[in-house]
């Protein structure tokens, strides 16, 4: 697949901090940073649909950062849990729509655990996250 020019392989210092681990992707306007294995898979003729959905997710963050301004977006994302939750839900919805269009499944339980955990700074409780994700999946 043709990878957008703003997509990069995640390197140091991204890989040394647990919250910015080598297993997660990040969007900091104007670039998306992906783990090497995901980036390399996206270069193939038939990339894994989950990896494409990760790129869709991160590109949604880039578009929203562009609209609000990356500095304000980043500040609000770091310090306002409700904003962080809403931004993640918007990006997740984009991923869900992509996966559903490919006939794939979205694990709302796994996503709810992640969204209600340390990676997203506990921006929501599990029960609420699960309900919001199930609604999003049904509407995707």
C-alpha atoms as a PDB file:
ATOM      1  CA  UNK A   1       0.000   0.000   0.000  1.00  0.00           C
ATOM      2  CA  UNK A   2       1.077   3.581  -0.514  1.00  0.00           C
ATOM      3  CA  UNK A   3       1.926   5.075   2.892  1.00  0.00           C
ATOM      4  CA  UNK A   4       1.189   8.790   3.376  1.00  0.00           C
ATOM      5  CA  UNK A   5       4.305  10.971   3.467  1.00  0.00           C
ATOM      6  CA  UNK A   6       3.668  12.050   7.070  1.00  0.00           C
ATOM      7  CA  UNK A   7       4.043   8.512   8.441  1.00  0.00           C
ATOM      8  CA  UNK A   8       7.304   7.604  10.174  1.00  0.00           C
ATOM      9  CA  UNK A   9       8.819   4.607  11.946  1.00  0.00           C
ATOM     10  CA  UNK A  10       8.857   5.170  15.683  1.00  0.00           C
ATOM     11  CA  UNK A  11      12.409   5.470  17.024  1.00  0.00           C
ATOM     12  CA  UNK A  12      14.210   6.726  20.127  1.00  0.00           C
ATOM     13  CA  UNK A  13      13.039   8.408  22.377  1.00  0.00           C
ATOM     14  CA  UNK A  14       9.577   6.965  21.703  1.00  0.00           C
ATOM     15  CA  UNK A  15      10.685   3.438  22.525  1.00  0.00           C
ATOM     16  CA  UNK A  16      12.122   3.986  26.019  1.00  0.00           C
ATOM     17  CA  UNK A  17       9.107   5.208  28.006  1.00  0.00           C
ATOM     18  CA  UNK A  18       6.415   2.662  28.995  1.00  0.00           C
ATOM     19  CA  UNK A  19       3.533   4.975  28.047  1.00  0.00           C
ATOM     20  CA  UNK A  20       5.209   5.645  24.696  1.00  0.00           C
ATOM     21  CA  UNK A  21       6.226   2.038  24.190  1.00  0.00           C
ATOM     22  CA  UNK A  22       7.485   0.507  20.996  1.00  0.00           C
ATOM     23  CA  UNK A  23       4.085  -1.195  20.649  1.00  0.00           C
ATOM     24  CA  UNK A  24       1.900   1.907  20.415  1.00  0.00           C
ATOM     25  CA  UNK A  25       1.386   4.423  17.615  1.00  0.00           C
ATOM     26  CA  UNK A  26       1.342   8.204  18.098  1.00  0.00           C
ATOM     27  CA  UNK A  27       0.185  11.257  16.204  1.00  0.00           C
ATOM     28  CA  UNK A  28       1.939  14.570  16.726  1.00  0.00           C
ATOM     29  CA  UNK A  29       1.040  17.015  14.005  1.00  0.00           C
ATOM     30  CA  UNK A  30       1.967  16.701  11.246  1.00  0.00           C
ATOM     31  CA  UNK A  31       3.425  13.197  11.638  1.00  0.00           C
ATOM     32  CA  UNK A  32       2.248   9.742  12.605  1.00  0.00           C
ATOM     33  CA  UNK A  33       4.773   7.488  14.361  1.00  0.00           C
ATOM     34  CA  UNK A  34       4.251   3.745  13.989  1.00  0.00           C
ATOM     35  CA  UNK A  35       6.082   0.741  15.394  1.00  0.00           C
ATOM     36  CA  UNK A  36       8.424  -0.723  12.779  1.00  0.00           C
ATOM     37  CA  UNK A  37       6.413  -3.948  12.378  1.00  0.00           C
ATOM     38  CA  UNK A  38       3.222  -2.026  11.557  1.00  0.00           C
ATOM     39  CA  UNK A  39       5.025   0.346   9.195  1.00  0.00           C
ATOM     40  CA  UNK A  40       6.637  -2.548   7.328  1.00  0.00           C
ATOM     41  CA  UNK A  41       3.332  -4.409   7.071  1.00  0.00           C
ATOM     42  CA  UNK A  42       1.694  -1.308   5.581  1.00  0.00           C
ATOM     43  CA  UNK A  43       4.333  -1.311   2.831  1.00  0.00           C
ATOM     44  CA  UNK A  44       3.119  -4.704   1.588  1.00  0.00           C
ATOM     45  CA  UNK A  45       0.555  -5.196  -1.178  1.00  0.00           C
ATOM     46  CA  UNK A  46      -2.004  -6.633   1.245  1.00  0.00           C
ATOM     47  CA  UNK A  47      -1.419  -5.131   4.694  1.00  0.00           C
ATOM     48  CA  UNK A  48      -3.191  -6.483   7.737  1.00  0.00           C
ATOM     49  CA  UNK A  49      -6.511  -4.662   8.105  1.00  0.00           C
ATOM     50  CA  UNK A  50      -5.864  -4.069  11.817  1.00  0.00           C
ATOM     51  CA  UNK A  51      -2.660  -2.216  10.940  1.00  0.00           C
ATOM     52  CA  UNK A  52      -4.480  -0.116   8.350  1.00  0.00           C
ATOM     53  CA  UNK A  53      -7.097   0.705  10.991  1.00  0.00           C
ATOM     54  CA  UNK A  54      -4.305   1.914  13.298  1.00  0.00           C
ATOM     55  CA  UNK A  55      -3.111   4.267  10.569  1.00  0.00           C
ATOM     56  CA  UNK A  56      -6.697   5.472  10.024  1.00  0.00           C
ATOM     57  CA  UNK A  57      -6.961   6.101  13.790  1.00  0.00           C
ATOM     58  CA  UNK A  58      -3.751   8.122  13.946  1.00  0.00           C
ATOM     59  CA  UNK A  59      -4.550  10.107  10.796  1.00  0.00           C
ATOM     60  CA  UNK A  60      -7.868  11.065  12.432  1.00  0.00           C
ATOM     61  CA  UNK A  61      -5.866  12.509  15.330  1.00  0.00           C
ATOM     62  CA  UNK A  62      -3.704  14.437  12.840  1.00  0.00           C
ATOM     63  CA  UNK A  63      -6.763  15.957  11.149  1.00  0.00           C
ATOM     64  CA  UNK A  64      -8.257  16.983  14.485  1.00  0.00           C
ATOM     65  CA  UNK A  65      -4.937  18.464  15.636  1.00  0.00           C
ATOM     66  CA  UNK A  66      -4.808  20.451  12.414  1.00  0.00           C
ATOM     67  CA  UNK A  67      -8.333  21.800  13.004  1.00  0.00           C
ATOM     68  CA  UNK A  68      -7.780  22.844  16.623  1.00  0.00           C
ATOM     69  CA  UNK A  69      -4.076  23.603  16.454  1.00  0.00           C
ATOM     70  CA  UNK A  70      -1.585  20.991  17.559  1.00  0.00           C
ATOM     71  CA  UNK A  71      -0.427  22.853  20.674  1.00  0.00           C
ATOM     72  CA  UNK A  72      -3.912  23.445  22.086  1.00  0.00           C
ATOM     73  CA  UNK A  73      -4.964  19.937  21.084  1.00  0.00           C
ATOM     74  CA  UNK A  74      -1.932  18.444  22.833  1.00  0.00           C
ATOM     75  CA  UNK A  75      -2.494  20.482  25.987  1.00  0.00           C
ATOM     76  CA  UNK A  76      -6.153  19.523  26.187  1.00  0.00           C
ATOM     77  CA  UNK A  77      -5.370  15.882  25.389  1.00  0.00           C
ATOM     78  CA  UNK A  78      -2.806  15.686  28.193  1.00  0.00           C
ATOM     79  CA  UNK A  79      -4.758  17.520  30.872  1.00  0.00           C
ATOM     80  CA  UNK A  80      -8.489  17.148  30.203  1.00  0.00           C
ATOM     81  CA  UNK A  81      -9.774  13.590  30.521  1.00  0.00           C
ATOM     82  CA  UNK A  82     -13.125  14.247  28.851  1.00  0.00           C
ATOM     83  CA  UNK A  83     -11.356  15.802  25.843  1.00  0.00           C
ATOM     84  CA  UNK A  84      -8.942  12.832  25.651  1.00  0.00           C
ATOM     85  CA  UNK A  85     -11.869  10.405  25.763  1.00  0.00           C
ATOM     86  CA  UNK A  86     -13.779  12.252  23.038  1.00  0.00           C
ATOM     87  CA  UNK A  87     -10.701  12.429  20.804  1.00  0.00           C
ATOM     88  CA  UNK A  88     -10.017   8.729  21.224  1.00  0.00           C
ATOM     89  CA  UNK A  89     -13.633   7.880  20.498  1.00  0.00           C
ATOM     90  CA  UNK A  90     -13.549   9.906  17.276  1.00  0.00           C
ATOM     91  CA  UNK A  91     -10.369   8.152  16.156  1.00  0.00           C
ATOM     92  CA  UNK A  92     -11.723   4.753  17.216  1.00  0.00           C
ATOM     93  CA  UNK A  93     -14.914   5.364  15.234  1.00  0.00           C
ATOM     94  CA  UNK A  94     -12.806   5.963  12.124  1.00  0.00           C
ATOM     95  CA  UNK A  95     -10.988   2.671  12.719  1.00  0.00           C
ATOM     96  CA  UNK A  96     -14.248   0.857  13.365  1.00  0.00           C
ATOM     97  CA  UNK A  97     -15.779   2.097  10.112  1.00  0.00           C
ATOM     98  CA  UNK A  98     -12.735   0.909   8.197  1.00  0.00           C
ATOM     99  CA  UNK A  99     -12.713  -2.533   9.838  1.00  0.00           C
ATOM    100  CA  UNK A 100     -16.456  -3.004   9.459  1.00  0.00           C
ATOM    101  CA  UNK A 101     -16.162  -2.147   5.746  1.00  0.00           C
ATOM    102  CA  UNK A 102     -13.674  -5.022   5.487  1.00  0.00           C
ATOM    103  CA  UNK A 103     -15.972  -7.424   7.357  1.00  0.00           C
ATOM    104  CA  UNK A 104     -13.720  -7.457  10.409  1.00  0.00           C
ATOM    105  CA  UNK A 105     -14.593  -7.492  14.119  1.00  0.00           C
ATOM    106  CA  UNK A 106     -13.847  -4.888  16.798  1.00  0.00           C
ATOM    107  CA  UNK A 107     -13.156  -6.197  20.315  1.00  0.00           C
ATOM    108  CA  UNK A 108     -15.014  -3.647  22.456  1.00  0.00           C
ATOM    109  CA  UNK A 109     -14.028  -5.365  25.698  1.00  0.00           C
ATOM    110  CA  UNK A 110     -10.300  -5.174  24.935  1.00  0.00           C
ATOM    111  CA  UNK A 111     -10.634  -1.562  23.775  1.00  0.00           C
ATOM    112  CA  UNK A 112     -12.606  -0.619  26.884  1.00  0.00           C
ATOM    113  CA  UNK A 113      -9.876  -2.088  29.092  1.00  0.00           C
ATOM    114  CA  UNK A 114      -7.262  -0.063  27.240  1.00  0.00           C
ATOM    115  CA  UNK A 115      -9.290   3.156  27.169  1.00  0.00           C
ATOM    116  CA  UNK A 116      -9.997   2.910  30.901  1.00  0.00           C
ATOM    117  CA  UNK A 117      -6.360   2.152  31.755  1.00  0.00           C
ATOM    118  CA  UNK A 118      -3.011   3.856  32.209  1.00  0.00           C
ATOM    119  CA  UNK A 119      -2.262   4.325  28.497  1.00  0.00           C
ATOM    120  CA  UNK A 120      -5.102   6.847  28.276  1.00  0.00           C
ATOM    121  CA  UNK A 121      -4.580   8.148  31.820  1.00  0.00           C
ATOM    122  CA  UNK A 122      -7.795   6.587  33.133  1.00  0.00           C
ATOM    123  CA  UNK A 123      -9.994   9.040  31.211  1.00  0.00           C
ATOM    124  CA  UNK A 124     -13.075   6.848  31.670  1.00  0.00           C
ATOM    125  CA  UNK A 125     -14.236   3.878  33.721  1.00  0.00           C
ATOM    126  CA  UNK A 126     -14.479   0.463  32.060  1.00  0.00           C
ATOM    127  CA  UNK A 127     -18.283   0.233  32.105  1.00  0.00           C
ATOM    128  CA  UNK A 128     -18.739   3.626  30.434  1.00  0.00           C
ATOM    129  CA  UNK A 129     -15.993   2.916  27.904  1.00  0.00           C
ATOM    130  CA  UNK A 130     -17.569  -0.435  26.997  1.00  0.00           C
ATOM    131  CA  UNK A 131     -21.007   1.133  26.511  1.00  0.00           C
ATOM    132  CA  UNK A 132     -19.635   3.958  24.345  1.00  0.00           C
ATOM    133  CA  UNK A 133     -17.577   1.543  22.251  1.00  0.00           C
ATOM    134  CA  UNK A 134     -20.489  -0.850  21.728  1.00  0.00           C
ATOM    135  CA  UNK A 135     -22.655   2.068  20.590  1.00  0.00           C
ATOM    136  CA  UNK A 136     -19.911   3.274  18.245  1.00  0.00           C
ATOM    137  CA  UNK A 137     -19.490  -0.224  16.778  1.00  0.00           C
ATOM    138  CA  UNK A 138     -23.237  -0.587  16.169  1.00  0.00           C
ATOM    139  CA  UNK A 139     -23.236   2.783  14.367  1.00  0.00           C
ATOM    140  CA  UNK A 140     -20.051   2.179  12.347  1.00  0.00           C
END
